[in-house]
Each structure stands twice: as C-alpha cells, then as structure tokens.
Amino acid sequence: MNEAPRIVPKSVDPTNNTYSLIIRNNIYTLVQAMPYFANFKRFGTSRQFPIKLENIPYCGVYLVNDAGGPDGNINHGMPRFSVSARIGFSVWIANNDPIATENQLDGAFRAIMRGILENKTIYGDPVAQVEGFSGFTRAHYYGNTTLDNESPIAEMRAELVCFYREDYRYVATDDFKSMKFTTAWPSPDEASNVQQIEAIWDLPQ
C-alpha cells in the first residue's frame, strides 16, 4: 500500500497566531508520524469539507475551541491567562467486522494518547509550551455511506484539553512621571502640630 501523504500545516507566526493553533499543529505533526497511521490515506486540520469514502482511512486533528481564565491577580501587571485549548481528533475507518472495527478505533485512540502524552516535545516547545492535560473525551460512531449497508464505516471522536499560560505585554498608559512625598510625624493625628517635610520628584522619561 502506498504511504499516506504527509500534509504539513502552513507555518504559523506567534505574533499573529495563537498558541492554541501552534499546539494543534505540533500535535498534528506528531499524529502523522505515528506508526499506527502509516497507511492512512488522508489527514486534515479542518472539518470544512466532508469525508469521502475514497479518503478513508482518514485522521483529522482540529482546534475545537479554547478558553482562558486569569493567571494570578487580574489587576496586577500585564494581562495573564491560563488557557485550556481543546484539540479534537476524528479517525474514520471502513470495516465489515464489528469486533475488528471497535478494536481499530480503540487502537487509534490509544496510539494518539500515548504518542502525545509520552512525547517530551509537546511539553518543551519554545513558543507554545503545554504544561499539562486537564481531561479528555472519546466516543465511537457507526454508520454506512449508502443505504444498502455495503460500505460500513466507523468514526472515533476524541478531544484532549491542553493547558498552557500566556501573557500580553501591553504598554502602560499611566506613566510614572512624578512622585510626591509628605511626612506625617509623629502620627497622622498629630502631624498638624509639627512642621512636616514635603518633596516632589520628577522622573525622567
């Protein structure tokens, strides 16, 4: 059997693309290189086009969604987020044997999980570093491409949640230009009875 085409996603620029998309591409590259998928006909990163029978077995790796929450205090320093990116997997096969079909789908899920979670490159990417994985889901779906059941197909759908952090290095608009210092000795209540010292510093910009 001819080797499946190795489709490389278009390169992403971390200044214009999100870390979630970079992580998706890193995982996609890993999945294509896994021995389990060596004989797959097609790989994809989008559900934009329908899956055709001639493209099965097929494996897709998608960015489903991502969501961010505060990383630390929300009003201290630059905006920082802890992000959960949900990466989806879709594996399609055609097989007349229901037991073999289930085993193949389960094997695909196992290969994906081990190939990602046990690979240090996902944790060590210099741009989009995954700190951990907070959960996953998996389900199998069965059907056929025609109404006569002559082409039984099955799909394994899985989602893996990847956790990472990011910050936005904004430019502060409230520049620190001057500082005023006033003493209150010996106490705030008694300060009016004692001459105090007041100083103003203008800071160079």
C-alpha atoms as a PDB file:
ATOM      1  CA  MET A   1       0.000   0.000   0.000  1.00  0.00           C
ATOM      2  CA  ASN A   2       1.262   3.460  -0.830  1.00  0.00           C
ATOM      3  CA  GLU A   3       2.350   5.610   2.055  1.00  0.00           C
ATOM      4  CA  ALA A   4      -0.185   8.209   3.168  1.00  0.00           C
ATOM      5  CA  PRO A   5       0.573  11.790   2.143  1.00  0.00           C
ATOM      6  CA  ARG A   6       2.302  13.807   4.841  1.00  0.00           C
ATOM      7  CA  ILE A   7       0.499  17.120   4.829  1.00  0.00           C
ATOM      8  CA  VAL A   8       2.367  19.859   6.663  1.00  0.00           C
ATOM      9  CA  PRO A   9       0.186  22.701   8.004  1.00  0.00           C
ATOM     10  CA  LYS A  10       1.036  26.164   6.825  1.00  0.00           C
ATOM     11  CA  SER A  11       3.521  27.744   9.177  1.00  0.00           C
ATOM     12  CA  VAL A  12       2.152  29.971  11.902  1.00  0.00           C
ATOM     13  CA  ASP A  13       3.632  33.158  13.285  1.00  0.00           C
ATOM     14  CA  PRO A  14       3.403  33.510  17.085  1.00  0.00           C
ATOM     15  CA  THR A  15       2.965  37.259  16.637  1.00  0.00           C
ATOM     16  CA  ASN A  16      -0.157  36.731  14.516  1.00  0.00           C
ATOM     17  CA  ASN A  17      -1.431  33.277  15.510  1.00  0.00           C
ATOM     18  CA  THR A  18      -2.481  31.910  18.880  1.00  0.00           C
ATOM     19  CA  TYR A  19      -0.544  29.380  20.899  1.00  0.00           C
ATOM     20  CA  SER A  20      -3.582  27.104  20.623  1.00  0.00           C
ATOM     21  CA  LEU A  21      -3.117  26.874  16.856  1.00  0.00           C
ATOM     22  CA  ILE A  22       0.607  26.228  17.259  1.00  0.00           C
ATOM     23  CA  ILE A  23      -0.155  23.427  19.712  1.00  0.00           C
ATOM     24  CA  ARG A  24      -2.693  21.974  17.265  1.00  0.00           C
ATOM     25  CA  ASN A  25      -0.079  21.969  14.516  1.00  0.00           C
ATOM     26  CA  ASN A  26       2.514  20.364  16.780  1.00  0.00           C
ATOM     27  CA  ILE A  27       0.083  17.595  17.699  1.00  0.00           C
ATOM     28  CA  TYR A  28      -0.971  17.175  14.073  1.00  0.00           C
ATOM     29  CA  THR A  29       2.651  16.658  13.042  1.00  0.00           C
ATOM     30  CA  LEU A  30       3.104  14.082  15.787  1.00  0.00           C
ATOM     31  CA  VAL A  31      -0.010  12.143  14.802  1.00  0.00           C
ATOM     32  CA  GLN A  32       1.023  11.931  11.146  1.00  0.00           C
ATOM     33  CA  ALA A  33       4.347  10.395  12.188  1.00  0.00           C
ATOM     34  CA  MET A  34       2.813   7.735  14.439  1.00  0.00           C
ATOM     35  CA  PRO A  35       3.275   4.177  13.094  1.00  0.00           C
ATOM     36  CA  TYR A  36      -0.394   3.412  13.707  1.00  0.00           C
ATOM     37  CA  PHE A  37      -1.407   5.884  10.995  1.00  0.00           C
ATOM     38  CA  ALA A  38       1.293   4.961   8.463  1.00  0.00           C
ATOM     39  CA  ASN A  39      -1.238   3.559   5.958  1.00  0.00           C
ATOM     40  CA  PHE A  40      -3.929   6.197   6.337  1.00  0.00           C
ATOM     41  CA  LYS A  41      -4.920   7.847   3.074  1.00  0.00           C
ATOM     42  CA  ARG A  42      -5.655  11.358   4.270  1.00  0.00           C
ATOM     43  CA  PHE A  43      -5.001  13.747   7.140  1.00  0.00           C
ATOM     44  CA  GLY A  44      -6.672  17.077   7.787  1.00  0.00           C
ATOM     45  CA  THR A  45      -6.928  20.018  10.159  1.00  0.00           C
ATOM     46  CA  SER A  46     -10.418  21.278   9.254  1.00  0.00           C
ATOM     47  CA  ARG A  47     -13.977  19.954   9.080  1.00  0.00           C
ATOM     48  CA  GLN A  48     -14.748  22.387   6.277  1.00  0.00           C
ATOM     49  CA  PHE A  49     -15.071  19.611   3.687  1.00  0.00           C
ATOM     50  CA  PRO A  50     -16.989  16.299   4.030  1.00  0.00           C
ATOM     51  CA  ILE A  51     -15.152  12.992   4.364  1.00  0.00           C
ATOM     52  CA  LYS A  52     -15.377  10.856   1.202  1.00  0.00           C
ATOM     53  CA  LEU A  53     -15.175   7.080   1.102  1.00  0.00           C
ATOM     54  CA  GLU A  54     -12.096   7.167  -1.139  1.00  0.00           C
ATOM     55  CA  ASN A  55     -10.261   9.138   1.582  1.00  0.00           C
ATOM     56  CA  ILE A  56     -10.839   6.523   4.291  1.00  0.00           C
ATOM     57  CA  PRO A  57      -8.951   5.636   6.458  1.00  0.00           C
ATOM     58  CA  TYR A  58      -8.782   9.274   7.461  1.00  0.00           C
ATOM     59  CA  CYS A  59      -7.435  11.114  10.500  1.00  0.00           C
ATOM     60  CA  GLY A  60      -8.235  14.703  11.379  1.00  0.00           C
ATOM     61  CA  VAL A  61      -6.732  16.884  14.110  1.00  0.00           C
ATOM     62  CA  TYR A  62      -8.713  20.040  14.871  1.00  0.00           C
ATOM     63  CA  LEU A  63      -8.696  23.045  17.157  1.00  0.00           C
ATOM     64  CA  VAL A  64     -12.184  22.756  18.663  1.00  0.00           C
ATOM     65  CA  ASN A  65     -12.050  25.785  20.959  1.00  0.00           C
ATOM     66  CA  ASP A  66     -10.047  27.399  23.709  1.00  0.00           C
ATOM     67  CA  ALA A  67     -10.889  29.331  26.856  1.00  0.00           C
ATOM     68  CA  GLY A  68      -8.810  31.435  29.219  1.00  0.00           C
ATOM     69  CA  GLY A  69      -9.091  32.482  32.839  1.00  0.00           C
ATOM     70  CA  PRO A  70      -6.940  34.773  34.988  1.00  0.00           C
ATOM     71  CA  ASP A  71      -3.435  33.656  35.871  1.00  0.00           C
ATOM     72  CA  GLY A  72      -2.830  35.420  39.173  1.00  0.00           C
ATOM     73  CA  ASN A  73      -4.408  38.725  40.193  1.00  0.00           C
ATOM     74  CA  ILE A  74      -6.246  40.293  37.284  1.00  0.00           C
ATOM     75  CA  ASN A  75      -5.237  43.884  38.147  1.00  0.00           C
ATOM     76  CA  HIS A  76      -1.546  43.341  38.900  1.00  0.00           C
ATOM     77  CA  GLY A  77       0.789  43.904  35.989  1.00  0.00           C
ATOM     78  CA  MET A  78       0.263  42.706  32.438  1.00  0.00           C
ATOM     79  CA  PRO A  79      -2.832  40.656  31.458  1.00  0.00           C
ATOM     80  CA  ARG A  80      -2.027  36.978  32.064  1.00  0.00           C
ATOM     81  CA  PHE A  81      -4.202  33.968  31.295  1.00  0.00           C
ATOM     82  CA  SER A  82      -4.291  30.273  31.995  1.00  0.00           C
ATOM     83  CA  VAL A  83      -5.660  28.734  28.802  1.00  0.00           C
ATOM     84  CA  SER A  84      -7.338  25.412  28.062  1.00  0.00           C
ATOM     85  CA  ALA A  85      -7.182  24.506  24.363  1.00  0.00           C
ATOM     86  CA  ARG A  86      -9.453  21.666  23.256  1.00  0.00           C
ATOM     87  CA  ILE A  87      -7.863  19.617  20.458  1.00  0.00           C
ATOM     88  CA  GLY A  88     -10.214  17.289  18.576  1.00  0.00           C
ATOM     89  CA  PHE A  89      -9.431  14.051  16.755  1.00  0.00           C
ATOM     90  CA  SER A  90     -11.530  12.287  14.137  1.00  0.00           C
ATOM     91  CA  VAL A  91     -10.473   8.851  12.898  1.00  0.00           C
ATOM     92  CA  TRP A  92     -12.519   7.199  10.126  1.00  0.00           C
ATOM     93  CA  ILE A  93     -12.203   3.582   9.034  1.00  0.00           C
ATOM     94  CA  ALA A  94     -14.196   1.162   6.862  1.00  0.00           C
ATOM     95  CA  ASN A  95     -14.562  -2.437   8.048  1.00  0.00           C
ATOM     96  CA  ASN A  96     -17.224  -5.157   7.764  1.00  0.00           C
ATOM     97  CA  ASP A  97     -16.207  -6.826  11.025  1.00  0.00           C
ATOM     98  CA  PRO A  98     -17.749  -5.062  14.074  1.00  0.00           C
ATOM     99  CA  ILE A  99     -15.226  -6.501  16.532  1.00  0.00           C
ATOM    100  CA  ALA A 100     -12.247  -5.558  14.369  1.00  0.00           C
ATOM    101  CA  THR A 101     -13.775  -2.120  13.849  1.00  0.00           C
ATOM    102  CA  GLU A 102     -14.047  -1.453  17.560  1.00  0.00           C
ATOM    103  CA  ASN A 103     -10.512  -2.688  18.126  1.00  0.00           C
ATOM    104  CA  GLN A 104      -9.187  -0.408  15.378  1.00  0.00           C
ATOM    105  CA  LEU A 105     -10.958   2.644  16.768  1.00  0.00           C
ATOM    106  CA  ASP A 106      -9.777   1.879  20.271  1.00  0.00           C
ATOM    107  CA  GLY A 107      -6.250   1.338  18.987  1.00  0.00           C
ATOM    108  CA  ALA A 108      -6.309   4.696  17.244  1.00  0.00           C
ATOM    109  CA  PHE A 109      -7.318   6.418  20.461  1.00  0.00           C
ATOM    110  CA  ARG A 110      -4.622   4.610  22.402  1.00  0.00           C
ATOM    111  CA  ALA A 111      -1.967   5.493  19.825  1.00  0.00           C
ATOM    112  CA  ILE A 112      -2.943   9.178  19.916  1.00  0.00           C
ATOM    113  CA  MET A 113      -2.926   9.396  23.702  1.00  0.00           C
ATOM    114  CA  ARG A 114       0.406   7.628  24.145  1.00  0.00           C
ATOM    115  CA  GLY A 115       2.011   9.395  21.202  1.00  0.00           C
ATOM    116  CA  ILE A 116       1.139  12.824  22.648  1.00  0.00           C
ATOM    117  CA  LEU A 117       1.266  12.406  26.413  1.00  0.00           C
ATOM    118  CA  GLU A 118       4.532  10.461  26.349  1.00  0.00           C
ATOM    119  CA  ASN A 119       6.298  12.812  23.929  1.00  0.00           C
ATOM    120  CA  LYS A 120       8.501  15.450  25.551  1.00  0.00           C
ATOM    121  CA  THR A 121       8.401  17.798  22.540  1.00  0.00           C
ATOM    122  CA  ILE A 122       4.835  18.851  23.400  1.00  0.00           C
ATOM    123  CA  TYR A 123       5.954  19.931  26.867  1.00  0.00           C
ATOM    124  CA  GLY A 124       9.134  21.595  25.660  1.00  0.00           C
ATOM    125  CA  ASP A 125       8.054  23.690  22.688  1.00  0.00           C
ATOM    126  CA  PRO A 126       9.948  27.005  22.947  1.00  0.00           C
ATOM    127  CA  VAL A 127       6.938  29.087  21.858  1.00  0.00           C
ATOM    128  CA  ALA A 128       3.749  27.276  22.897  1.00  0.00           C
ATOM    129  CA  GLN A 129       4.614  25.090  25.855  1.00  0.00           C
ATOM    130  CA  VAL A 130       1.914  22.741  27.141  1.00  0.00           C
ATOM    131  CA  GLU A 131       2.121  22.486  30.931  1.00  0.00           C
ATOM    132  CA  GLY A 132      -0.324  19.616  31.234  1.00  0.00           C
ATOM    133  CA  PHE A 133      -3.539  17.968  30.084  1.00  0.00           C
ATOM    134  CA  SER A 134      -6.666  18.517  32.151  1.00  0.00           C
ATOM    135  CA  GLY A 135      -9.035  15.994  30.585  1.00  0.00           C
ATOM    136  CA  PHE A 136     -10.295  14.122  27.536  1.00  0.00           C
ATOM    137  CA  THR A 137     -13.408  12.630  25.971  1.00  0.00           C
ATOM    138  CA  ARG A 138     -13.806   9.760  23.489  1.00  0.00           C
ATOM    139  CA  ALA A 139     -16.750   8.226  21.606  1.00  0.00           C
ATOM    140  CA  HIS A 140     -17.314   5.791  18.719  1.00  0.00           C
ATOM    141  CA  TYR A 141     -19.875   6.285  15.944  1.00  0.00           C
ATOM    142  CA  TYR A 142     -21.034   3.725  13.390  1.00  0.00           C
ATOM    143  CA  GLY A 143     -22.832   4.070  10.070  1.00  0.00           C
ATOM    144  CA  ASN A 144     -22.565   3.496   6.350  1.00  0.00           C
ATOM    145  CA  THR A 145     -22.003   5.626   3.298  1.00  0.00           C
ATOM    146  CA  THR A 146     -25.022   4.245   1.429  1.00  0.00           C
ATOM    147  CA  LEU A 147     -28.454   2.985   2.422  1.00  0.00           C
ATOM    148  CA  ASP A 148     -27.676  -0.624   1.477  1.00  0.00           C
ATOM    149  CA  ASN A 149     -25.040  -1.097   4.235  1.00  0.00           C
ATOM    150  CA  GLU A 150     -22.484  -2.215   1.645  1.00  0.00           C
ATOM    151  CA  SER A 151     -19.890   0.253   2.903  1.00  0.00           C
ATOM    152  CA  PRO A 152     -19.968   0.199   6.718  1.00  0.00           C
ATOM    153  CA  ILE A 153     -17.828   2.915   8.237  1.00  0.00           C
ATOM    154  CA  ALA A 154     -16.986   3.972  11.762  1.00  0.00           C
ATOM    155  CA  GLU A 155     -15.516   7.038  13.428  1.00  0.00           C
ATOM    156  CA  MET A 156     -13.625   7.605  16.648  1.00  0.00           C
ATOM    157  CA  ARG A 157     -14.015  11.121  18.007  1.00  0.00           C
ATOM    158  CA  ALA A 158     -11.830  12.324  20.844  1.00  0.00           C
ATOM    159  CA  GLU A 159     -10.964  15.624  22.465  1.00  0.00           C
ATOM    160  CA  LEU A 160      -7.892  16.377  24.556  1.00  0.00           C
ATOM    161  CA  VAL A 161      -7.673  19.511  26.716  1.00  0.00           C
ATOM    162  CA  CYS A 162      -4.216  21.117  26.733  1.00  0.00           C
ATOM    163  CA  PHE A 163      -3.285  23.630  29.443  1.00  0.00           C
ATOM    164  CA  TYR A 164      -0.834  26.488  28.934  1.00  0.00           C
ATOM    165  CA  ARG A 165      -0.237  30.071  30.039  1.00  0.00           C
ATOM    166  CA  GLU A 166       0.208  33.275  28.089  1.00  0.00           C
ATOM    167  CA  ASP A 167       0.584  36.977  28.787  1.00  0.00           C
ATOM    168  CA  TYR A 168       0.089  40.201  26.859  1.00  0.00           C
ATOM    169  CA  ARG A 169       2.906  42.707  27.226  1.00  0.00           C
ATOM    170  CA  TYR A 170       0.930  45.913  26.861  1.00  0.00           C
ATOM    171  CA  VAL A 171       2.384  49.430  27.099  1.00  0.00           C
ATOM    172  CA  ALA A 172       1.205  51.211  30.235  1.00  0.00           C
ATOM    173  CA  THR A 173      -0.739  54.419  29.531  1.00  0.00           C
ATOM    174  CA  ASP A 174      -0.463  55.836  33.077  1.00  0.00           C
ATOM    175  CA  ASP A 175       3.239  56.706  33.007  1.00  0.00           C
ATOM    176  CA  PHE A 176       5.008  57.172  36.352  1.00  0.00           C
ATOM    177  CA  LYS A 177       6.223  60.753  35.812  1.00  0.00           C
ATOM    178  CA  SER A 178       6.421  62.218  39.297  1.00  0.00           C
ATOM    179  CA  MET A 179       6.229  61.256  42.967  1.00  0.00           C
ATOM    180  CA  LYS A 180       5.137  63.358  45.925  1.00  0.00           C
ATOM    181  CA  PHE A 181       6.361  62.515  49.426  1.00  0.00           C
ATOM    182  CA  THR A 182       4.940  64.054  52.634  1.00  0.00           C
ATOM    183  CA  THR A 183       5.810  63.083  56.186  1.00  0.00           C
ATOM    184  CA  ALA A 184       3.202  62.580  58.909  1.00  0.00           C
ATOM    185  CA  TRP A 185       5.287  62.628  62.084  1.00  0.00           C
ATOM    186  CA  PRO A 186       4.856  61.612  64.852  1.00  0.00           C
ATOM    187  CA  SER A 187       1.410  60.313  63.802  1.00  0.00           C
ATOM    188  CA  PRO A 188      -1.313  61.288  61.315  1.00  0.00           C
ATOM    189  CA  ASP A 189      -3.412  62.720  64.159  1.00  0.00           C
ATOM    190  CA  GLU A 190      -0.565  64.894  65.477  1.00  0.00           C
ATOM    191  CA  ALA A 191       1.013  65.852  62.162  1.00  0.00           C
ATOM    192  CA  SER A 192      -0.757  69.236  62.001  1.00  0.00           C
ATOM    193  CA  ASN A 193       1.082  70.362  65.138  1.00  0.00           C
ATOM    194  CA  VAL A 194       4.543  69.641  63.741  1.00  0.00           C
ATOM    195  CA  GLN A 195       6.261  71.061  60.699  1.00  0.00           C
ATOM    196  CA  GLN A 196       6.392  68.299  58.057  1.00  0.00           C
ATOM    197  CA  ILE A 197       8.640  67.719  55.081  1.00  0.00           C
ATOM    198  CA  GLU A 198       7.211  67.631  51.560  1.00  0.00           C
ATOM    199  CA  ALA A 199       9.194  66.674  48.463  1.00  0.00           C
ATOM    200  CA  ILE A 200       8.331  66.151  44.812  1.00  0.00           C
ATOM    201  CA  TRP A 201      10.435  64.098  42.417  1.00  0.00           C
ATOM    202  CA  ASP A 202      10.087  64.490  38.647  1.00  0.00           C
ATOM    203  CA  LEU A 203      11.196  61.253  36.989  1.00  0.00           C
ATOM    204  CA  PRO A 204      12.997  61.369  33.638  1.00  0.00           C
ATOM    205  CA  GLN A 205      11.169  59.523  30.851  1.00  0.00           C
END
